Protein backbone atom coordinates (compact mmCIF):
# COMPACT_ATOMS: atom_id res chain seq x y z
CA MET A 1 13.19 7.34 53.56
CA PRO A 2 11.36 5.73 56.48
CA VAL A 3 10.34 7.44 59.71
CA ILE A 4 13.20 9.69 60.77
CA ASN A 5 15.24 7.87 63.41
CA SER A 6 15.79 10.88 65.64
CA ILE A 7 12.05 11.62 65.57
CA ALA A 8 11.23 7.99 66.34
CA ALA A 9 13.56 8.25 69.33
CA MET A 10 11.54 11.28 70.45
CA GLU A 11 8.36 9.23 70.89
CA PRO A 12 8.49 9.05 74.73
CA GLU A 13 9.13 12.80 74.92
CA MET A 14 6.35 13.52 72.42
CA ARG A 15 4.00 11.33 74.42
CA GLU A 16 4.71 13.44 77.50
CA TRP A 17 4.00 16.65 75.58
CA ARG A 18 0.76 15.28 74.16
CA ARG A 19 -0.52 14.01 77.48
CA TRP A 20 0.24 17.31 79.19
CA LEU A 21 -1.79 19.03 76.50
CA HIS A 22 -4.57 16.47 76.92
CA ARG A 23 -4.75 17.11 80.67
CA ASN A 24 -4.94 20.86 80.09
CA PRO A 25 -7.56 21.49 77.38
CA GLU A 26 -8.61 25.00 76.45
CA LEU A 27 -11.29 26.27 74.08
CA GLN A 28 -11.45 28.46 71.00
CA PHE A 29 -9.17 31.52 71.24
CA ASP A 30 -8.66 31.32 75.00
CA LEU A 31 -5.49 29.19 75.05
CA PRO A 32 -3.05 30.80 77.50
CA LYS A 33 -1.65 27.56 78.93
CA THR A 34 -1.56 25.75 75.59
CA ALA A 35 0.08 28.60 73.70
CA GLY A 36 2.49 29.17 76.58
CA PHE A 37 3.48 25.49 76.56
CA VAL A 38 4.08 25.56 72.80
CA ALA A 39 6.13 28.77 72.93
CA ASP A 40 8.26 27.43 75.78
CA LYS A 41 9.02 24.24 73.86
CA LEU A 42 9.95 26.20 70.74
CA ARG A 43 12.40 28.27 72.78
CA ASP A 44 13.82 25.09 74.29
CA PHE A 45 14.46 23.88 70.73
CA GLY A 46 16.59 26.96 70.05
CA ILE A 47 14.04 28.71 67.84
CA THR A 48 14.44 32.46 68.34
CA GLU A 49 11.86 33.95 65.97
CA ILE A 50 8.54 33.26 67.71
CA HIS A 51 5.53 35.50 67.03
CA GLU A 52 2.84 35.14 69.69
CA GLY A 53 -0.64 36.61 70.09
CA ILE A 54 -1.70 36.16 66.47
CA ALA A 55 -5.48 35.67 66.33
CA THR A 56 -5.38 36.22 70.12
CA SER A 57 -3.46 33.05 71.03
CA GLY A 58 -1.95 31.73 67.80
CA ILE A 59 1.77 31.38 67.19
CA VAL A 60 3.94 31.52 64.11
CA ALA A 61 7.55 30.43 64.60
CA ILE A 62 10.20 30.72 61.90
CA ILE A 63 13.11 28.32 61.42
CA GLU A 64 15.82 29.52 59.04
CA GLY A 65 17.36 26.91 56.77
CA GLN A 66 20.64 26.91 54.85
CA GLY A 67 20.67 29.65 52.25
CA ASP A 68 18.01 31.60 50.46
CA GLY A 69 14.76 30.01 49.46
CA PRO A 70 10.98 30.12 49.86
CA THR A 71 8.94 29.73 53.03
CA ILE A 72 6.81 26.62 53.57
CA GLY A 73 4.00 26.67 56.12
CA LEU A 74 3.09 23.76 58.42
CA ARG A 75 -0.08 24.10 60.48
CA ALA A 76 -1.46 22.46 63.62
CA ASP A 77 -4.63 23.35 65.52
CA MET A 78 -4.45 23.67 69.32
CA ASP A 79 -7.99 24.03 70.73
CA ALA A 80 -10.14 21.44 72.52
CA LEU A 81 -13.91 20.85 72.73
CA PRO A 82 -16.62 21.56 75.33
CA ILE A 83 -17.15 17.87 76.15
CA LEU A 84 -17.13 16.05 79.49
CA GLU A 85 -14.38 13.43 79.13
CA ALA A 86 -15.24 9.79 79.80
CA SER A 87 -12.07 8.10 78.52
CA GLY A 88 -10.88 6.92 81.92
CA VAL A 89 -7.24 7.32 80.91
CA GLU A 90 -4.61 8.38 83.44
CA HIS A 91 -3.96 11.62 81.54
CA ALA A 92 -7.64 12.59 81.23
CA SER A 93 -8.71 16.23 81.23
CA GLU A 94 -8.28 18.04 84.53
CA THR A 95 -10.79 20.70 83.48
CA ARG A 96 -14.36 19.45 83.79
CA GLY A 97 -16.41 19.95 80.66
CA LYS A 98 -13.42 20.44 78.35
CA MET A 99 -11.42 17.77 76.54
CA HIS A 100 -9.26 17.10 73.52
CA ALA A 101 -11.83 14.95 71.73
CA CYS A 102 -10.55 15.67 68.22
CA GLY A 103 -6.83 15.02 68.59
CA HIS A 104 -5.61 18.59 68.33
CA ASP A 105 -3.28 17.76 71.23
CA GLY A 106 -1.73 15.17 68.90
CA HIS A 107 -1.57 17.57 65.95
CA THR A 108 0.26 20.14 68.08
CA THR A 109 2.64 17.43 69.28
CA MET A 110 3.41 16.29 65.73
CA LEU A 111 4.31 19.82 64.70
CA LEU A 112 6.42 20.29 67.83
CA GLY A 113 8.29 17.08 67.02
CA ALA A 114 8.98 18.30 63.50
CA ALA A 115 10.03 21.68 64.89
CA LYS A 116 12.60 20.13 67.22
CA TYR A 117 14.10 18.05 64.42
CA LEU A 118 14.15 20.89 61.87
CA ALA A 119 15.68 23.31 64.36
CA GLU A 120 18.47 20.83 65.08
CA THR A 121 19.24 19.78 61.50
CA ARG A 122 18.22 22.74 59.28
CA ASN A 123 18.75 20.50 56.26
CA PHE A 124 16.69 22.67 53.93
CA ARG A 125 16.79 25.95 52.04
CA GLY A 126 14.70 28.97 52.86
CA ARG A 127 12.43 29.00 55.88
CA VAL A 128 9.76 27.03 57.67
CA ALA A 129 6.76 28.80 59.21
CA LEU A 130 5.30 26.73 62.06
CA ILE A 131 1.66 27.78 62.39
CA PHE A 132 0.00 26.89 65.70
CA GLN A 133 -3.64 27.88 65.25
CA PRO A 134 -6.41 28.54 67.80
CA ALA A 135 -10.15 28.06 67.41
CA GLU A 136 -10.57 25.44 64.71
CA GLU A 137 -13.61 24.06 66.52
CA GLY A 138 -16.16 26.62 65.41
CA GLY A 139 -14.22 29.81 65.98
CA GLY A 140 -12.65 30.11 62.54
CA GLY A 141 -9.16 30.74 63.87
CA GLY A 142 -7.73 29.86 60.48
CA ALA A 143 -9.70 32.69 58.89
CA VAL A 144 -8.59 35.12 61.60
CA MET A 145 -4.92 34.22 61.09
CA VAL A 146 -5.30 34.72 57.34
CA ASP A 147 -7.15 38.01 57.87
CA GLU A 148 -4.34 39.15 60.17
CA GLY A 149 -1.96 38.61 57.26
CA VAL A 150 0.17 35.63 58.29
CA MET A 151 0.61 34.41 54.72
CA ASP A 152 1.88 37.75 53.44
CA ARG A 153 3.68 38.79 56.64
CA PHE A 154 5.79 35.63 56.66
CA ASP A 155 5.91 35.22 52.87
CA ILE A 156 4.46 31.70 53.01
CA GLU A 157 4.28 30.15 49.53
CA GLN A 158 2.64 26.81 50.30
CA VAL A 159 0.98 25.27 53.37
CA TYR A 160 0.21 21.77 54.71
CA GLY A 161 -1.83 20.27 57.53
CA ILE A 162 -2.67 16.83 58.97
CA HIS A 163 -5.65 15.44 60.86
CA ASN A 164 -5.73 12.11 62.68
CA ALA A 165 -8.39 9.65 61.49
CA PRO A 166 -9.74 7.08 63.96
CA ASN A 167 -10.86 3.75 62.51
CA PHE A 168 -8.64 4.16 59.48
CA ALA A 169 -5.63 1.86 59.23
CA GLU A 170 -3.00 2.96 61.73
CA GLY A 171 -0.08 4.75 60.12
CA GLU A 172 -1.62 5.14 56.67
CA PHE A 173 -1.99 8.51 54.94
CA PHE A 174 -5.01 9.61 52.90
CA THR A 175 -5.42 12.66 50.70
CA THR A 176 -6.90 13.65 47.36
CA PRO A 177 -6.54 16.37 44.71
CA GLY A 178 -9.25 18.99 44.77
CA PRO A 179 -12.03 19.07 47.38
CA ILE A 180 -11.32 16.88 50.42
CA MET A 181 -13.73 18.29 53.04
CA ALA A 182 -17.05 20.07 52.71
CA ALA A 183 -18.23 23.59 53.35
CA VAL A 184 -20.34 23.86 56.50
CA ASP A 185 -23.31 26.17 57.04
CA THR A 186 -25.77 26.43 59.92
CA PHE A 187 -29.46 27.28 59.84
CA HIS A 188 -31.62 28.56 62.70
CA ILE A 189 -35.43 28.48 62.55
CA ASP A 190 -37.53 30.35 65.12
CA ILE A 191 -41.26 29.60 65.22
CA THR A 192 -43.73 31.77 67.13
CA GLY A 193 -47.26 30.56 67.67
CA LYS A 194 -49.76 30.97 70.47
CA GLY A 195 -49.49 28.77 73.54
CA GLY A 196 -52.27 27.40 75.66
CA HIS A 197 -53.74 24.42 77.46
CA GLY A 198 -52.86 21.03 76.02
CA ALA A 199 -56.53 20.02 76.32
CA MET A 200 -57.69 22.98 74.23
CA PRO A 201 -55.51 23.06 71.09
CA HIS A 202 -58.21 24.92 69.15
CA ASP A 203 -57.38 27.99 71.21
CA THR A 204 -53.69 27.83 70.25
CA LYS A 205 -51.43 28.14 67.25
CA ASP A 206 -49.26 25.11 67.88
CA PRO A 207 -45.56 25.67 67.05
CA ILE A 208 -44.76 22.00 67.64
CA VAL A 209 -46.96 20.86 64.76
CA ALA A 210 -45.38 23.56 62.61
CA ALA A 211 -41.87 22.45 63.65
CA LEU A 212 -42.68 18.86 62.70
CA GLY A 213 -44.02 19.98 59.33
CA ILE A 214 -41.01 22.16 58.64
CA GLY A 215 -38.65 19.37 59.68
CA GLN A 216 -40.30 16.87 57.37
CA ALA A 217 -40.37 19.32 54.47
CA ILE A 218 -36.67 20.14 54.87
CA GLN A 219 -35.86 16.48 54.11
CA THR A 220 -37.14 17.01 50.56
CA ILE A 221 -34.31 19.43 49.76
CA VAL A 222 -31.87 16.55 49.33
CA SER A 223 -34.36 14.05 47.93
CA ARG A 224 -36.30 16.29 45.53
CA ASN A 225 -34.41 19.54 44.86
CA HIS A 226 -30.90 18.21 44.37
CA TYR A 227 -29.14 16.04 41.77
CA ALA A 228 -28.58 12.71 43.44
CA LEU A 229 -24.95 12.29 42.32
CA ASP A 230 -23.76 15.58 43.83
CA GLU A 231 -22.72 15.64 47.49
CA LEU A 232 -25.13 17.32 49.91
CA VAL A 233 -26.12 16.80 53.53
CA VAL A 234 -28.91 18.70 55.29
CA SER A 235 -29.44 17.59 58.89
CA ILE A 236 -31.65 18.97 61.63
CA THR A 237 -29.61 18.58 64.80
CA GLN A 238 -31.59 20.46 67.46
CA ILE A 239 -35.28 20.95 68.33
CA HIS A 240 -36.19 22.89 71.47
CA THR A 241 -39.71 23.54 72.69
CA GLY A 242 -42.19 22.81 75.46
CA THR A 243 -42.06 22.55 79.25
CA ALA A 244 -44.86 20.21 80.40
CA ASP A 245 -47.28 17.54 79.17
CA ASN A 246 -50.38 19.75 79.48
CA ILE A 247 -49.00 22.92 77.93
CA ILE A 248 -48.82 23.77 74.25
CA PRO A 249 -45.83 26.14 74.08
CA GLY A 250 -45.75 29.47 72.32
CA THR A 251 -42.44 28.99 70.52
CA ALA A 252 -40.20 26.35 68.97
CA TYR A 253 -36.66 26.37 67.64
CA LEU A 254 -34.88 24.18 65.08
CA GLU A 255 -31.20 24.19 64.16
CA GLY A 256 -29.18 22.18 61.69
CA THR A 257 -26.16 21.84 59.46
CA VAL A 258 -25.65 21.94 55.70
CA ARG A 259 -22.61 20.33 54.04
CA THR A 260 -21.79 21.09 50.40
CA PHE A 261 -18.94 21.42 47.91
CA ASP A 262 -20.57 23.66 45.30
CA PRO A 263 -21.51 27.31 46.02
CA GLN A 264 -24.51 26.98 43.68
CA VAL A 265 -25.78 24.10 45.83
CA GLN A 266 -25.31 26.27 48.92
CA ASP A 267 -27.41 28.98 47.28
CA MET A 268 -30.14 26.47 46.40
CA VAL A 269 -30.31 25.08 49.94
CA GLU A 270 -30.53 28.54 51.51
CA ARG A 271 -33.27 29.57 49.07
CA ARG A 272 -35.31 26.38 49.61
CA LEU A 273 -34.96 26.58 53.40
CA ARG A 274 -36.41 30.08 53.41
CA GLN A 275 -39.23 29.06 51.05
CA ILE A 276 -40.10 25.98 53.13
CA VAL A 277 -40.10 27.90 56.41
CA GLU A 278 -42.25 30.68 54.98
CA GLY A 279 -44.70 28.30 53.31
CA GLN A 280 -45.02 25.87 56.20
CA ALA A 281 -45.47 28.73 58.66
CA ALA A 282 -48.36 30.07 56.61
CA SER A 283 -49.97 26.65 56.38
CA TYR A 284 -49.90 26.24 60.19
CA ASP A 285 -50.83 29.87 60.89
CA VAL A 286 -47.66 30.65 62.85
CA ALA A 287 -44.81 33.11 62.33
CA ALA A 288 -41.37 31.74 61.49
CA THR A 289 -37.99 33.09 60.48
CA CYS A 290 -34.95 31.33 59.03
CA ARG A 291 -31.43 32.60 59.69
CA TYR A 292 -28.78 31.03 57.47
CA GLU A 293 -25.09 31.33 58.40
CA ARG A 294 -22.32 30.57 55.92
CA GLY A 295 -19.49 28.82 57.75
CA TYR A 296 -16.15 27.30 56.75
CA PRO A 297 -15.74 26.94 52.96
CA ALA A 298 -14.84 23.65 51.37
CA THR A 299 -11.27 22.46 51.95
CA VAL A 300 -9.76 22.20 48.48
CA ASN A 301 -6.30 20.73 47.92
CA ASP A 302 -4.10 21.99 45.15
CA ALA A 303 -3.81 18.99 42.81
CA ASP A 304 -0.04 19.23 42.35
CA LYS A 305 0.63 19.82 46.05
CA ALA A 306 -1.63 16.91 47.03
CA ALA A 307 0.28 14.61 44.68
CA PHE A 308 3.57 15.89 46.10
CA ALA A 309 2.35 15.39 49.68
CA ALA A 310 1.31 11.83 48.86
CA LYS A 311 4.79 11.15 47.47
CA VAL A 312 6.42 12.51 50.63
CA ALA A 313 4.08 10.41 52.78
CA ALA A 314 5.04 7.35 50.73
CA ASP A 315 8.70 8.09 51.45
CA VAL A 316 7.87 7.99 55.18
CA VAL A 317 5.50 5.00 55.45
CA GLY A 318 5.73 3.25 52.07
CA ALA A 319 3.62 3.65 48.94
CA ASP A 320 1.35 0.78 49.95
CA LYS A 321 0.25 2.82 52.99
CA VAL A 322 -0.73 5.97 51.10
CA THR A 323 -4.01 6.60 49.30
CA PRO A 324 -3.49 9.61 47.00
CA ASP A 325 -7.08 9.75 45.73
CA SER A 326 -9.23 8.98 48.77
CA PRO A 327 -12.94 9.89 48.71
CA LYS A 328 -13.80 13.36 49.98
CA GLU A 329 -15.79 13.60 53.19
CA MET A 330 -18.57 15.79 54.55
CA GLY A 331 -16.71 17.05 57.61
CA ALA A 332 -15.37 20.61 57.56
CA GLU A 333 -12.08 22.34 58.43
CA ASP A 334 -11.00 25.95 58.73
CA PHE A 335 -7.65 25.03 57.14
CA SER A 336 -9.79 25.76 54.08
CA TYR A 337 -9.14 29.48 54.57
CA MET A 338 -5.39 28.93 54.29
CA LEU A 339 -5.81 26.81 51.16
CA ASN A 340 -7.99 29.56 49.68
CA VAL A 341 -5.00 31.92 49.66
CA ARG A 342 -2.04 29.56 49.20
CA PRO A 343 -1.57 26.24 47.38
CA GLY A 344 -1.08 23.25 49.63
CA ALA A 345 -2.69 20.07 50.85
CA TYR A 346 -4.52 18.55 53.77
CA LEU A 347 -4.00 14.90 54.71
CA PHE A 348 -5.50 12.37 57.09
CA LEU A 349 -3.33 10.01 59.12
CA GLY A 350 -4.98 6.75 60.17
CA ALA A 351 -5.06 6.25 63.95
CA GLY A 352 -6.38 2.69 64.10
CA PRO A 353 -9.55 1.47 65.86
CA GLY A 354 -11.11 3.48 68.66
CA PRO A 355 -13.83 6.00 69.56
CA VAL A 356 -14.65 8.47 66.81
CA LEU A 357 -13.75 12.14 66.83
CA HIS A 358 -15.81 14.30 69.22
CA HIS A 359 -16.68 11.27 71.34
CA PRO A 360 -16.24 11.61 75.14
CA GLU A 361 -14.08 8.46 75.20
CA PHE A 362 -11.73 9.58 72.42
CA ASP A 363 -7.97 9.66 73.00
CA PHE A 364 -5.25 10.36 70.44
CA ASN A 365 -3.06 7.38 69.48
CA ASP A 366 0.45 8.46 70.53
CA THR A 367 2.16 5.91 68.29
CA ILE A 368 1.28 7.87 65.13
CA ALA A 369 2.78 11.17 66.34
CA PRO A 370 6.31 10.35 65.04
CA LEU A 371 4.78 9.53 61.64
CA GLY A 372 3.11 12.92 61.40
CA ALA A 373 6.23 14.69 62.63
CA SER A 374 8.37 12.80 60.10
CA PHE A 375 5.96 13.73 57.32
CA PHE A 376 6.17 17.42 58.20
CA ALA A 377 9.97 17.28 58.37
CA ARG A 378 10.35 15.35 55.10
CA MET A 379 7.92 17.72 53.41
CA VAL A 380 10.27 20.62 54.17
CA GLU A 381 13.46 18.77 53.22
CA THR A 382 11.94 17.46 49.98
CA ALA A 383 10.24 20.69 48.91
CA GLN A 384 13.26 22.88 49.70
CA PRO A 385 16.39 20.70 49.46
CA VAL A 386 19.81 22.12 50.21
């Protein structure tokens, strides 16, 4: 079964939807225009059961198939990023400082395309739950939707999601059984010393020297406290301190990210961060505190569902364009919360060469939208055949 012909014929229409969404980016849970656009399209498709306002701006729409059967969930994220767009495309963001730099406009479009087809054909048993989620980019909208009971409320038995993948072969699918994306944590380190004149450091307690020492020591967590063949990333991503060349400041701040797959490794990193901060602070005669925030858990595919998803993808694009056991990656996704409560799978869809995700010049490749929509539709028809 190749790309569904009626969905392929929808490509110009889907491009219009996607580019409207791209011009109108919104952040986190505050998605009135985006959610309104999605709900209007769903009504245009003849879908009558549309539940709005879940997790503030999320939507779950139900399409009834032919006869009794289970409910399968399909998810797309809708939110953009706080980035100043520099793509130069005609459909660039019209809201300064906000842009769809991760392709969520494309993900929403793919699910809308599948929704239109499924609402017209209804060639499946049971029901489809179309999950349009807010706040993937740091807000944990997936967790909020789960906490608000969408899986139980709509009796969803399994759930699937797709993410576009720049610089992977265009039109190829990638997934894997088990962990596919990492857990993400954030650490915050506040250092308080004693400021003074840059020419008289002996009268100060320099937080910059302490920050440098702490930063260097943190690098030993991966190199000296962790088994080299297990996946772990610890990166310092922000350092803020100082105001002038002749002033030693009184405070410094460090922030960073931790990416893991094993909860025991998470525990080790948190423990070592606190020990390093405490010990280094004492050695530099400053005060320092470490705040460690647990973020999205690892995204873990159900092995059977991942194999099934790979088979469906092969039906759409051909087996030679599907990698069913791709390497896991250190990015993170709040689809993990949905997979924590229901079996399912997360897949990547290659978008071809171009700027990476979260880059100010990024733009979703519209030619892959019919592939993603066809995958979603075939997933339903194959999982719940009439």
